[in-house]
C-alpha atoms as a PDB file:
ATOM      1  CA  MET A   1      -1.746   5.770 -10.116  1.00  0.00           C
ATOM      2  CA  THR A   2       0.040   7.875 -12.633  1.00  0.00           C
ATOM      3  CA  ASN A   3       2.378   9.749 -10.020  1.00  0.00           C
ATOM      4  CA  LEU A   4       2.767   7.031  -7.744  1.00  0.00           C
ATOM      5  CA  GLY A   5       3.462   4.529 -10.799  1.00  0.00           C
ATOM      6  CA  SER A   6       6.927   6.223 -11.211  1.00  0.00           C
ATOM      7  CA  LEU A   7       8.043   6.106  -7.625  1.00  0.00           C
ATOM      8  CA  SER A   8      10.791   3.857  -6.212  1.00  0.00           C
ATOM      9  CA  ARG A   9       9.925   0.919  -1.901  1.00  0.00           C
ATOM     10  CA  GLN A  10      10.406   4.310  -2.357  1.00  0.00           C
ATOM     11  CA  GLY A  11       7.749   4.146  -4.608  1.00  0.00           C
ATOM     12  CA  LYS A  12       6.212   1.836  -7.059  1.00  0.00           C
ATOM     13  CA  SER A  13       8.679   2.050 -10.196  1.00  0.00           C
ATOM     14  CA  LEU A  14      10.918  -0.021  -7.739  1.00  0.00           C
ATOM     15  CA  ALA A  15       7.869  -2.301  -7.042  1.00  0.00           C
ATOM     16  CA  THR A  16       7.415  -2.653 -10.795  1.00  0.00           C
ATOM     17  CA  VAL A  17      11.111  -3.649 -11.175  1.00  0.00           C
ATOM     18  CA  ILE A  18      10.951  -5.865  -8.201  1.00  0.00           C
ATOM     19  CA  ALA A  19       7.702  -7.470  -9.552  1.00  0.00           C
ATOM     20  CA  ALA A  20       9.343  -7.958 -12.980  1.00  0.00           C
ATOM     21  CA  SER A  21      12.282  -9.461 -11.475  1.00  0.00           C
ATOM     22  CA  GLY A  22      10.324 -11.710  -9.298  1.00  0.00           C
ATOM     23  CA  SER A  23       8.380 -12.904 -12.302  1.00  0.00           C
ATOM     24  CA  PHE A  24      11.489 -13.441 -14.174  1.00  0.00           C
ATOM     25  CA  LEU A  25      13.202 -15.419 -11.460  1.00  0.00           C
ATOM     26  CA  ILE A  26      10.082 -17.473 -10.694  1.00  0.00           C
ATOM     27  CA  GLY A  27       9.656 -18.106 -14.390  1.00  0.00           C
ATOM     28  CA  MET A  28      13.202 -19.248 -14.583  1.00  0.00           C
ATOM     29  CA  LEU A  29      13.165 -21.395 -11.482  1.00  0.00           C
ATOM     30  CA  LEU A  30       9.902 -23.024 -12.068  1.00  0.00           C
ATOM     31  CA  PRO A  31      10.699 -24.579 -15.546  1.00  0.00           C
ATOM     32  CA  MET A  32      14.183 -25.448 -14.327  1.00  0.00           C
ATOM     33  CA  GLU A  33      12.920 -27.210 -11.221  1.00  0.00           C
ATOM     34  CA  ILE A  34      10.292 -29.084 -13.169  1.00  0.00           C
ATOM     35  CA  TRP A  35      12.790 -30.054 -15.770  1.00  0.00           C
ATOM     36  CA  THR A  36      15.141 -31.359 -13.292  1.00  0.00           C
ATOM     37  CA  ASN A  37      12.655 -33.398 -11.511  1.00  0.00           C
ATOM     38  CA  GLN A  38      11.425 -34.739 -14.674  1.00  0.00           C
ATOM     39  CA  GLN A  39      14.965 -35.731 -15.882  1.00  0.00           C
ATOM     40  CA  THR A  40      15.264 -37.693 -12.508  1.00  0.00           C
ATOM     41  CA  THR A  41      11.773 -39.163 -13.030  1.00  0.00           C
ATOM     42  CA  THR A  42      12.778 -40.159 -16.583  1.00  0.00           C
ATOM     43  CA  LYS A  43      15.682 -41.900 -15.560  1.00  0.00           C
ATOM     44  CA  ALA A  44      14.154 -43.680 -12.701  1.00  0.00           C
ATOM     45  CA  THR A  45      11.246 -44.939 -14.892  1.00  0.00           C
ATOM     46  CA  THR A  46      13.695 -46.299 -17.524  1.00  0.00           C
ATOM     47  CA  VAL A  47      15.550 -48.245 -15.016  1.00  0.00           C
ATOM     48  CA  LYS A  48      12.349 -49.562 -13.533  1.00  0.00           C
ATOM     49  CA  THR A  49      10.900 -50.182 -16.976  1.00  0.00           C
ATOM     50  CA  ALA A  50      13.901 -52.389 -17.663  1.00  0.00           C
ATOM     51  CA  THR A  51      13.431 -54.624 -14.613  1.00  0.00           C
ATOM     52  CA  ASN A  52       9.573 -54.639 -14.130  1.00  0.00           C
ATOM     53  CA  THR A  53       7.192 -52.874 -16.500  1.00  0.00           C
ATOM     54  CA  LYS A  54       4.032 -53.935 -14.615  1.00  0.00           C
ATOM     55  CA  GLN A  55       5.502 -52.793 -11.293  1.00  0.00           C
ATOM     56  CA  ILE A  56       6.367 -49.427 -12.932  1.00  0.00           C
ATOM     57  CA  ASN A  57       2.750 -49.087 -14.358  1.00  0.00           C
ATOM     58  CA  GLN A  58       1.203 -49.851 -10.957  1.00  0.00           C
ATOM     59  CA  SER A  59       3.536 -47.598  -9.164  1.00  0.00           C
ATOM     60  CA  VAL A  60       2.943 -44.530 -11.517  1.00  0.00           C
ATOM     61  CA  ASN A  61      -0.795 -45.147 -11.225  1.00  0.00           C
ATOM     62  CA  ASN A  62      -1.174 -45.548  -7.613  1.00  0.00           C
ATOM     63  CA  LYS A  63       1.839 -43.810  -5.705  1.00  0.00           C
ATOM     64  CA  ASP A  64       4.935 -42.426  -7.329  1.00  0.00           C
ATOM     65  CA  THR A  65       3.242 -39.700  -9.578  1.00  0.00           C
ATOM     66  CA  PRO A  66       1.448 -38.119  -6.627  1.00  0.00           C
ATOM     67  CA  LEU A  67       4.593 -38.344  -4.440  1.00  0.00           C
ATOM     68  CA  GLU A  68       6.653 -36.795  -7.209  1.00  0.00           C
ATOM     69  CA  VAL A  69       4.165 -33.876  -7.662  1.00  0.00           C
ATOM     70  CA  ILE A  70       4.369 -33.215  -4.139  1.00  0.00           C
ATOM     71  CA  LYS A  71       8.023 -33.266  -4.230  1.00  0.00           C
ATOM     72  CA  ILE A  72       8.099 -30.812  -7.022  1.00  0.00           C
ATOM     73  CA  SER A  73       5.416 -28.545  -5.468  1.00  0.00           C
ATOM     74  CA  SER A  74       7.387 -28.285  -2.020  1.00  0.00           C
ATOM     75  CA  VAL A  75      10.868 -27.584  -3.907  1.00  0.00           C
ATOM     76  CA  VAL A  76       9.219 -24.713  -6.026  1.00  0.00           C
ATOM     77  CA  ALA A  77       7.367 -23.511  -3.094  1.00  0.00           C
ATOM     78  CA  LYS A  78      10.645 -23.203  -1.497  1.00  0.00           C
ATOM     79  CA  LYS A  79      12.467 -21.483  -4.242  1.00  0.00           C
ATOM     80  CA  ILE A  80       9.643 -19.027  -4.589  1.00  0.00           C
ATOM     81  CA  ASN A  81       9.785 -18.170  -0.943  1.00  0.00           C
ATOM     82  CA  ASN A  82      13.595 -17.660  -1.110  1.00  0.00           C
ATOM     83  CA  THR A  83      13.173 -15.547  -4.364  1.00  0.00           C
ATOM     84  CA  LYS A  84      10.354 -13.357  -2.503  1.00  0.00           C
ATOM     85  CA  GLN A  85      12.862 -12.946   0.575  1.00  0.00           C
ATOM     86  CA  LYS A  86      15.683 -11.851  -1.763  1.00  0.00           C
ATOM     87  CA  LEU A  87      13.527  -9.406  -3.651  1.00  0.00           C
ATOM     88  CA  ARG A  88      12.261  -7.904  -0.378  1.00  0.00           C
ATOM     89  CA  GLU A  89      15.941  -7.533   0.849  1.00  0.00           C
ATOM     90  CA  LEU A  90      16.709  -5.741  -2.382  1.00  0.00           C
ATOM     91  CA  GLU A  91      13.816  -3.643  -1.928  1.00  0.00           C
ATOM     92  CA  LEU A  92      14.819  -2.495   1.518  1.00  0.00           C
ATOM     93  CA  LYS A  93      18.352  -1.985   0.427  1.00  0.00           C
ATOM     94  CA  THR A  94      17.506   0.368  -2.454  1.00  0.00           C
ATOM     95  CA  PHE A  95      14.618   2.164  -0.649  1.00  0.00           C
ATOM     96  CA  ASN A  96      15.336   5.673  -0.843  1.00  0.00           C
ATOM     97  CA  PHE A  97      14.953   8.196   2.151  1.00  0.00           C
ATOM     98  CA  SER A  98      15.886  11.199   0.387  1.00  0.00           C
ATOM     99  CA  VAL A  99      13.784  14.067  -0.894  1.00  0.00           C
ATOM    100  CA  PRO A 100      14.025  15.965  -4.251  1.00  0.00           C
ATOM    101  CA  LYS A 101      16.454  18.679  -4.290  1.00  0.00           C
ATOM    102  CA  ARG A 102      14.013  21.514  -4.602  1.00  0.00           C
ATOM    103  CA  PHE A 103      12.628  20.563  -1.215  1.00  0.00           C
ATOM    104  CA  GLN A 104      16.147  20.560   0.615  1.00  0.00           C
ATOM    105  CA  SER A 105      16.362  23.429   3.073  1.00  0.00           C
ATOM    106  CA  GLN A 106      12.610  24.085   2.963  1.00  0.00           C
ATOM    107  CA  THR A 107       9.671  23.688   5.273  1.00  0.00           C
ATOM    108  CA  VAL A 108       6.800  21.815   4.041  1.00  0.00           C
ATOM    109  CA  LYS A 109       3.462  21.666   5.698  1.00  0.00           C
ATOM    110  CA  ASN A 110       0.744  20.837   3.060  1.00  0.00           C
ATOM    111  CA  VAL A 111       1.773  19.595  -0.359  1.00  0.00           C
ATOM    112  CA  THR A 112      -1.024  20.624  -2.725  1.00  0.00           C
ATOM    113  CA  LEU A 113      -1.389  18.318  -5.487  1.00  0.00           C
ATOM    114  CA  ASN A 114      -3.097  18.625  -8.997  1.00  0.00           C
ATOM    115  CA  SER A 115      -3.403  14.953  -9.440  1.00  0.00           C
ATOM    116  CA  LYS A 116      -6.941  13.416  -9.467  1.00  0.00           C
ATOM    117  CA  GLN A 117      -5.692  10.640  -7.733  1.00  0.00           C
ATOM    118  CA  LYS A 118      -5.550  11.549  -3.928  1.00  0.00           C
ATOM    119  CA  VAL A 119      -2.573  10.687  -1.731  1.00  0.00           C
ATOM    120  CA  ILE A 120      -1.937  11.422   1.961  1.00  0.00           C
ATOM    121  CA  SER A 121       0.803  10.805   4.324  1.00  0.00           C
ATOM    122  CA  LEU A 122       0.639   9.379   7.723  1.00  0.00           C
ATOM    123  CA  THR A 123       3.234  10.447  10.306  1.00  0.00           C
ATOM    124  CA  PHE A 124       3.987   9.424  13.904  1.00  0.00           C
ATOM    125  CA  ASP A 125       5.885  11.320  16.412  1.00  0.00           C
ATOM    126  CA  ASP A 126       7.718  10.779  19.632  1.00  0.00           C
ATOM    127  CA  GLY A 127       8.352   6.945  19.437  1.00  0.00           C
ATOM    128  CA  PRO A 128       9.508   4.368  19.392  1.00  0.00           C
ATOM    129  CA  TRP A 129       7.318   3.465  22.364  1.00  0.00           C
ATOM    130  CA  ASN A 130       6.680   0.116  24.178  1.00  0.00           C
ATOM    131  CA  LYS A 131       3.861  -1.813  22.710  1.00  0.00           C
ATOM    132  CA  THR A 132       2.218   1.214  21.004  1.00  0.00           C
ATOM    133  CA  THR A 133       4.634   1.426  18.157  1.00  0.00           C
ATOM    134  CA  GLU A 134       4.466  -2.215  17.351  1.00  0.00           C
ATOM    135  CA  GLN A 135       0.713  -2.295  17.460  1.00  0.00           C
ATOM    136  CA  ILE A 136       0.751   0.573  14.895  1.00  0.00           C
ATOM    137  CA  LEU A 137       3.204  -1.129  12.907  1.00  0.00           C
ATOM    138  CA  ASP A 138       1.164  -4.441  12.838  1.00  0.00           C
ATOM    139  CA  ILE A 139      -1.855  -2.300  11.682  1.00  0.00           C
ATOM    140  CA  LEU A 140       0.068  -0.657   8.913  1.00  0.00           C
ATOM    141  CA  LYS A 141       1.413  -3.932   7.796  1.00  0.00           C
ATOM    142  CA  LYS A 142      -2.017  -5.497   7.594  1.00  0.00           C
ATOM    143  CA  HIS A 143      -3.216  -2.553   5.329  1.00  0.00           C
ATOM    144  CA  ASN A 144       0.044  -2.594   3.428  1.00  0.00           C
ATOM    145  CA  ILE A 145       0.680   1.015   4.150  1.00  0.00           C
ATOM    146  CA  ARG A 146       3.836   2.741   4.712  1.00  0.00           C
ATOM    147  CA  ALA A 147       4.296   5.789   6.957  1.00  0.00           C
ATOM    148  CA  THR A 148       7.082   8.000   8.257  1.00  0.00           C
ATOM    149  CA  PHE A 149       8.089   7.896  11.890  1.00  0.00           C
ATOM    150  CA  PHE A 150       9.773  10.889  13.473  1.00  0.00           C
ATOM    151  CA  VAL A 151      11.689   9.533  16.353  1.00  0.00           C
ATOM    152  CA  VAL A 152      13.027  10.963  19.531  1.00  0.00           C
ATOM    153  CA  GLY A 153      16.768   9.939  19.992  1.00  0.00           C
ATOM    154  CA  GLN A 154      16.564   8.954  23.852  1.00  0.00           C
ATOM    155  CA  HIS A 155      13.385   6.704  23.008  1.00  0.00           C
ATOM    156  CA  LEU A 156      15.173   5.006  20.074  1.00  0.00           C
ATOM    157  CA  ASN A 157      18.208   4.442  22.150  1.00  0.00           C
ATOM    158  CA  VAL A 158      16.343   2.350  24.547  1.00  0.00           C
ATOM    159  CA  ARG A 159      14.148   0.706  22.007  1.00  0.00           C
ATOM    160  CA  GLN A 160      16.491  -0.022  19.336  1.00  0.00           C
ATOM    161  CA  GLU A 161      14.887  -3.301  17.959  1.00  0.00           C
ATOM    162  CA  ILE A 162      11.655  -1.432  17.322  1.00  0.00           C
ATOM    163  CA  GLY A 163      13.745   1.201  15.376  1.00  0.00           C
ATOM    164  CA  LYS A 164      15.208  -1.484  13.411  1.00  0.00           C
ATOM    165  CA  LYS A 165      11.558  -3.001  12.728  1.00  0.00           C
ATOM    166  CA  ILE A 166      10.290   0.352  11.567  1.00  0.00           C
ATOM    167  CA  VAL A 167      12.730   0.354   8.686  1.00  0.00           C
ATOM    168  CA  GLU A 168      12.692  -3.518   8.110  1.00  0.00           C
ATOM    169  CA  GLU A 169       8.790  -3.105   7.478  1.00  0.00           C
ATOM    170  CA  GLY A 170       9.439  -0.528   4.933  1.00  0.00           C
ATOM    171  CA  HIS A 171       8.797   2.657   6.863  1.00  0.00           C
ATOM    172  CA  VAL A 172      10.561   5.892   6.678  1.00  0.00           C
ATOM    173  CA  ILE A 173      12.333   6.816  10.027  1.00  0.00           C
ATOM    174  CA  ALA A 174      13.194  10.483  10.420  1.00  0.00           C
ATOM    175  CA  ASN A 175      14.699  12.865  12.962  1.00  0.00           C
ATOM    176  CA  HIS A 176      12.652  14.528  15.898  1.00  0.00           C
ATOM    177  CA  THR A 177      15.597  15.595  18.077  1.00  0.00           C
ATOM    178  CA  TRP A 178      17.123  13.726  21.088  1.00  0.00           C
ATOM    179  CA  ASN A 179      15.105  15.153  24.147  1.00  0.00           C
ATOM    180  CA  HIS A 180      12.034  16.764  22.338  1.00  0.00           C
ATOM    181  CA  PRO A 181      12.647  20.345  23.391  1.00  0.00           C
ATOM    182  CA  SER A 182       9.600  22.330  22.449  1.00  0.00           C
ATOM    183  CA  LYS A 183      10.287  25.754  23.901  1.00  0.00           C
ATOM    184  CA  SER A 184      10.325  28.862  21.604  1.00  0.00           C
ATOM    185  CA  SER A 185      13.321  30.472  23.204  1.00  0.00           C
ATOM    186  CA  LYS A 186      16.554  30.533  21.237  1.00  0.00           C
ATOM    187  CA  MET A 187      18.783  27.350  22.132  1.00  0.00           C
ATOM    188  CA  SER A 188      22.539  27.420  22.273  1.00  0.00           C
ATOM    189  CA  SER A 189      24.230  26.249  19.270  1.00  0.00           C
ATOM    190  CA  ASP A 190      25.911  23.376  21.019  1.00  0.00           C
ATOM    191  CA  ARG A 191      22.437  22.100  22.302  1.00  0.00           C
ATOM    192  CA  ILE A 192      21.043  22.368  18.911  1.00  0.00           C
ATOM    193  CA  LYS A 193      23.816  20.553  17.372  1.00  0.00           C
ATOM    194  CA  SER A 194      23.537  17.863  19.965  1.00  0.00           C
ATOM    195  CA  GLU A 195      19.673  17.358  19.686  1.00  0.00           C
ATOM    196  CA  ILE A 196      19.906  16.913  16.015  1.00  0.00           C
ATOM    197  CA  GLY A 197      23.314  15.379  15.481  1.00  0.00           C
ATOM    198  CA  ARG A 198      22.957  12.637  18.185  1.00  0.00           C
ATOM    199  CA  THR A 199      19.750  11.479  16.739  1.00  0.00           C
ATOM    200  CA  ALA A 200      20.957  11.285  13.276  1.00  0.00           C
ATOM    201  CA  ASP A 201      24.111   9.389  14.350  1.00  0.00           C
ATOM    202  CA  LEU A 202      22.045   6.972  16.386  1.00  0.00           C
ATOM    203  CA  ILE A 203      19.482   6.475  13.460  1.00  0.00           C
ATOM    204  CA  TYR A 204      22.389   5.594  11.108  1.00  0.00           C
ATOM    205  CA  LYS A 205      23.982   3.207  13.646  1.00  0.00           C
ATOM    206  CA  ILE A 206      20.898   1.167  14.362  1.00  0.00           C
ATOM    207  CA  THR A 207      19.199   1.090  10.894  1.00  0.00           C
ATOM    208  CA  GLY A 208      22.093   1.998   8.501  1.00  0.00           C
ATOM    209  CA  ARG A 209      20.008   4.713   7.098  1.00  0.00           C
ATOM    210  CA  THR A 210      20.663   8.428   6.857  1.00  0.00           C
ATOM    211  CA  THR A 211      17.566  10.900   6.823  1.00  0.00           C
ATOM    212  CA  ASN A 212      17.326  14.457   5.813  1.00  0.00           C
ATOM    213  CA  LEU A 213      13.913  14.777   7.117  1.00  0.00           C
ATOM    214  CA  PHE A 214      13.458  16.793  10.232  1.00  0.00           C
ATOM    215  CA  ARG A 215      10.321  17.595  12.438  1.00  0.00           C
ATOM    216  CA  PRO A 216      10.823  20.374  15.123  1.00  0.00           C
ATOM    217  CA  PRO A 217       9.024  19.451  18.299  1.00  0.00           C
ATOM    218  CA  GLY A 218       5.754  21.271  18.568  1.00  0.00           C
ATOM    219  CA  GLY A 219       6.252  22.500  15.291  1.00  0.00           C
ATOM    220  CA  VAL A 220       8.394  25.423  16.562  1.00  0.00           C
ATOM    221  CA  LEU A 221      10.437  27.150  13.962  1.00  0.00           C
ATOM    222  CA  VAL A 222      12.233  29.997  15.847  1.00  0.00           C
ATOM    223  CA  ASN A 223      14.245  28.175  18.460  1.00  0.00           C
ATOM    224  CA  GLY A 224      17.227  27.417  16.092  1.00  0.00           C
ATOM    225  CA  LEU A 225      16.464  23.816  15.555  1.00  0.00           C
ATOM    226  CA  ALA A 226      14.721  24.319  12.180  1.00  0.00           C
ATOM    227  CA  ASP A 227      17.288  26.798  11.043  1.00  0.00           C
ATOM    228  CA  TYR A 228      20.134  24.438  11.874  1.00  0.00           C
ATOM    229  CA  ALA A 229      18.366  21.538  10.039  1.00  0.00           C
ATOM    230  CA  LYS A 230      17.870  23.750   6.917  1.00  0.00           C
ATOM    231  CA  GLU A 231      21.549  24.852   6.789  1.00  0.00           C
ATOM    232  CA  ARG A 232      22.262  21.076   6.615  1.00  0.00           C
ATOM    233  CA  LYS A 233      19.687  20.800   3.664  1.00  0.00           C
ATOM    234  CA  HIS A 234      17.309  18.906   5.634  1.00  0.00           C
ATOM    235  CA  THR A 235      13.608  19.196   4.803  1.00  0.00           C
ATOM    236  CA  VAL A 236      11.558  20.667   7.765  1.00  0.00           C
ATOM    237  CA  VAL A 237       8.250  18.773   7.814  1.00  0.00           C
ATOM    238  CA  LEU A 238       5.274  20.050   9.533  1.00  0.00           C
ATOM    239  CA  TRP A 239       1.703  18.919   9.092  1.00  0.00           C
ATOM    240  CA  SER A 240      -1.784  20.065   7.483  1.00  0.00           C
ATOM    241  CA  ALA A 241      -3.950  17.609   9.633  1.00  0.00           C
ATOM    242  CA  ASP A 242      -3.329  17.626  13.543  1.00  0.00           C
ATOM    243  CA  SER A 243      -5.119  14.744  15.229  1.00  0.00           C
ATOM    244  CA  VAL A 244      -4.559  16.468  18.500  1.00  0.00           C
ATOM    245  CA  ASP A 245      -4.330  13.058  19.918  1.00  0.00           C
ATOM    246  CA  TRP A 246      -1.968  14.303  22.595  1.00  0.00           C
ATOM    247  CA  TYR A 247      -5.050  16.151  24.013  1.00  0.00           C
ATOM    248  CA  TYR A 248      -8.220  14.215  22.938  1.00  0.00           C
ATOM    249  CA  ARG A 249      -8.098  10.791  24.352  1.00  0.00           C
ATOM    250  CA  SER A 250     -11.090   9.707  22.321  1.00  0.00           C
ATOM    251  CA  ALA A 251     -10.582   7.433  19.475  1.00  0.00           C
ATOM    252  CA  GLN A 252     -13.705   8.784  17.825  1.00  0.00           C
ATOM    253  CA  GLN A 253     -12.592  12.319  18.271  1.00  0.00           C
ATOM    254  CA  ILE A 254      -9.232  11.959  16.796  1.00  0.00           C
ATOM    255  CA  THR A 255     -10.728   9.899  13.866  1.00  0.00           C
ATOM    256  CA  LYS A 256     -12.981  12.672  12.960  1.00  0.00           C
ATOM    257  CA  LYS A 257     -10.446  15.476  13.324  1.00  0.00           C
ATOM    258  CA  VAL A 258      -8.142  13.666  10.704  1.00  0.00           C
ATOM    259  CA  LEU A 259     -10.918  12.734   8.297  1.00  0.00           C
ATOM    260  CA  ASN A 260     -12.258  16.257   8.409  1.00  0.00           C
ATOM    261  CA  ARG A 261      -8.961  17.736   7.883  1.00  0.00           C
ATOM    262  CA  ALA A 262      -7.635  15.393   5.179  1.00  0.00           C
ATOM    263  CA  SER A 263      -6.511  16.980   1.899  1.00  0.00           C
ATOM    264  CA  ASN A 264      -4.875  15.714  -1.319  1.00  0.00           C
ATOM    265  CA  GLY A 265      -1.142  15.976  -0.587  1.00  0.00           C
ATOM    266  CA  GLY A 266      -1.825  16.352   3.047  1.00  0.00           C
ATOM    267  CA  ILE A 267       0.350  15.154   6.132  1.00  0.00           C
ATOM    268  CA  VAL A 268      -1.416  13.786   9.032  1.00  0.00           C
ATOM    269  CA  LEU A 269       0.111  14.070  12.486  1.00  0.00           C
ATOM    270  CA  LEU A 270      -0.339  11.350  15.017  1.00  0.00           C
ATOM    271  CA  HIS A 271       1.568   9.968  17.870  1.00  0.00           C
ATOM    272  CA  ASP A 272       2.911   6.517  18.707  1.00  0.00           C
ATOM    273  CA  GLY A 273       5.068   7.576  21.769  1.00  0.00           C
ATOM    274  CA  GLY A 274       5.527  10.281  24.399  1.00  0.00           C
ATOM    275  CA  GLY A 275       2.824   8.973  26.649  1.00  0.00           C
ATOM    276  CA  PRO A 276      -0.177   6.567  26.712  1.00  0.00           C
ATOM    277  CA  ARG A 277      -1.307   6.111  22.989  1.00  0.00           C
ATOM    278  CA  GLY A 278      -3.918   3.289  23.168  1.00  0.00           C
ATOM    279  CA  HIS A 279      -6.470   5.523  21.797  1.00  0.00           C
ATOM    280  CA  VAL A 280      -4.241   6.189  18.763  1.00  0.00           C
ATOM    281  CA  VAL A 281      -4.045   2.457  18.261  1.00  0.00           C
ATOM    282  CA  GLU A 282      -7.771   2.151  18.372  1.00  0.00           C
ATOM    283  CA  ALA A 283      -8.521   4.925  16.163  1.00  0.00           C
ATOM    284  CA  LEU A 284      -5.995   3.942  13.378  1.00  0.00           C
ATOM    285  CA  PRO A 285      -7.909   1.400  11.594  1.00  0.00           C
ATOM    286  CA  ASN A 286     -10.812   3.662  11.547  1.00  0.00           C
ATOM    287  CA  ILE A 287      -8.901   6.553  10.010  1.00  0.00           C
ATOM    288  CA  ILE A 288      -7.213   4.313   7.401  1.00  0.00           C
ATOM    289  CA  ALA A 289     -10.889   3.033   6.479  1.00  0.00           C
ATOM    290  CA  GLY A 290     -12.144   6.537   6.376  1.00  0.00           C
ATOM    291  CA  LEU A 291      -9.458   7.935   4.306  1.00  0.00           C
ATOM    292  CA  LYS A 292      -9.710   4.953   1.990  1.00  0.00           C
ATOM    293  CA  LYS A 293     -13.508   5.622   1.594  1.00  0.00           C
ATOM    294  CA  GLN A 294     -12.643   9.414   0.698  1.00  0.00           C
ATOM    295  CA  GLY A 295     -10.220   7.826  -2.190  1.00  0.00           C
ATOM    296  CA  TYR A 296      -7.057   8.312  -0.588  1.00  0.00           C
ATOM    297  CA  GLU A 297      -3.878   6.285  -1.183  1.00  0.00           C
ATOM    298  CA  PHE A 298      -1.146   6.351   1.582  1.00  0.00           C
ATOM    299  CA  VAL A 299       2.528   7.415   0.716  1.00  0.00           C
ATOM    300  CA  THR A 300       5.507   8.461   2.948  1.00  0.00           C
ATOM    301  CA  ILE A 301       6.899  11.863   3.059  1.00  0.00           C
ATOM    302  CA  PRO A 302       9.634  11.182   0.377  1.00  0.00           C
ATOM    303  CA  GLU A 303       7.156   9.606  -1.914  1.00  0.00           C
ATOM    304  CA  LEU A 304       4.839  12.595  -1.461  1.00  0.00           C
ATOM    305  CA  LEU A 305       7.660  15.096  -2.167  1.00  0.00           C
ATOM    306  CA  THR A 306       8.609  13.273  -5.234  1.00  0.00           C
ATOM    307  CA  ILE A 307       5.181  13.259  -6.655  1.00  0.00           C
ATOM    308  CA  LYS A 308       5.120  16.864  -6.177  1.00  0.00           C
ATOM    309  CA  ASP A 309       8.590  17.379  -7.562  1.00  0.00           C
ATOM    310  CA  ARG A 310       7.441  15.612 -10.735  1.00  0.00           C
ATOM    311  CA  GLU A 311       4.288  17.681 -11.146  1.00  0.00           C
ATOM    312  CA  LEU A 312       6.403  20.808 -10.789  1.00  0.00           C
ATOM    313  CA  HIS A 313       8.907  19.288 -13.318  1.00  0.00           C
ATOM    314  CA  GLN A 314       6.140  18.823 -15.833  1.00  0.00           C
ATOM    315  CA  GLU A 315       4.981  22.243 -15.247  1.00  0.00           C
ATOM    316  CA  GLU A 316       8.322  23.730 -15.965  1.00  0.00           C
ATOM    317  CA  LEU A 317       8.738  21.710 -19.114  1.00  0.00           C
ATOM    318  CA  ALA A 318       5.241  22.926 -20.323  1.00  0.00           C
ATOM    319  CA  GLN A 319       6.140  26.539 -19.543  1.00  0.00           C
ATOM    320  CA  LYS A 320       9.496  25.947 -21.533  1.00  0.00           C
ATOM    321  CA  ARG A 321       7.664  24.497 -24.555  1.00  0.00           C
ATOM    322  CA  GLU A 322       5.186  27.433 -24.442  1.00  0.00           C
ATOM    323  CA  ILE A 323       8.074  29.877 -24.508  1.00  0.00           C
ATOM    324  CA  LYS A 324       9.826  28.206 -27.387  1.00  0.00           C
ATOM    325  CA  LYS A 325       6.544  28.084 -29.302  1.00  0.00           C
ATOM    326  CA  GLN A 326       6.194  31.764 -28.748  1.00  0.00           C
ATOM    327  CA  GLU A 327       9.650  32.601 -29.990  1.00  0.00           C
ATOM    328  CA  THR A 328       9.240  30.181 -32.913  1.00  0.00           C
ATOM    329  CA  ASN A 329       6.038  32.078 -33.815  1.00  0.00           C
ATOM    330  CA  ALA A 330       7.571  35.442 -33.387  1.00  0.00           C
ATOM    331  CA  GLN A 331      10.542  34.564 -35.576  1.00  0.00           C
ATOM    332  CA  GLU A 332       8.167  33.116 -38.475  1.00  0.00           C
ATOM    333  CA  ASN A 333       6.114  36.446 -38.431  1.00  0.00           C
ATOM    334  CA  LYS A 334       9.402  38.412 -38.871  1.00  0.00           C
ATOM    335  CA  GLU A 335      10.708  36.464 -41.696  1.00  0.00           C
ATOM    336  CA  PRO A 336       7.909  37.465 -44.369  1.00  0.00           C
ATOM    337  CA  ALA A 337       8.631  41.291 -43.530  1.00  0.00           C
ATOM    338  CA  ASN A 338      12.344  40.624 -44.050  1.00  0.00           C
ATOM    339  CA  LYS A 339      11.655  39.005 -47.425  1.00  0.00           C
ATOM    340  CA  GLU A 340       9.620  42.104 -48.528  1.00  0.00           C
END
């Protein structure tokens, strides 16, 4: 994908670097390991040849060679696995949760993309939740999809290991307040600061990550929470495709709603916590399959905003080139008149 190709485990530029690094490391490890074993084998063979050539030939033909091959294979396999693990750790370490500057202090709902390659973001609210969140993580892992989880502080506090797992498996973790207040009435400044600040502090304490993504409970923008978040250059993230899974308990119903409301650059709202969400777990594989059938690829919110940012940047460059071209043409048209 053109846009996704330039992203960092925030996106695929990082994946490309990691893949290249992996190929390089494996390419280095494999011949070195084989060379080392060949040297050992050569020395052993030389000694054996000096003592008993016939015995060496029988051993090579019957037993030693297969055993040596097995030894080389197991050592190389171990080296490859270790390399993959280190690359994975590097990917997680460098994975970027931040969003482009132009989206800071902004509210985003539906990110309209011009790209022919369709992308969409799955987001999950109100977790982490016992059993449900981990089931959702397993499904996403099976399909190699990264999502964005807007966690409630008090839920994260009692399920810290699940919070760690969200990040360890490559997903983005974001702020959804501490107590999930969704009333429209104005809140006190102390309450607002506590709702967002405590959750942000806990996310960092548990995962080592900071986030500037915030989703107000219920999508309410007038009680002070969203304004406070924007003052701190957070991006307020709403949604374009609401599964309404908190109301509809049928996996078929919420699957249909998501597929019908999907759009390029869309943000899907689902819930992994806040109540029984077995129907979400049941629906998720069908939602993924349906969106793939429609031609969608899945990205996190930071990835989605980065794609849009680069589209806008290209448009800005094109506008500057056009302005410069017009200025140049105007100057050239003036020069003959001046010569006359």
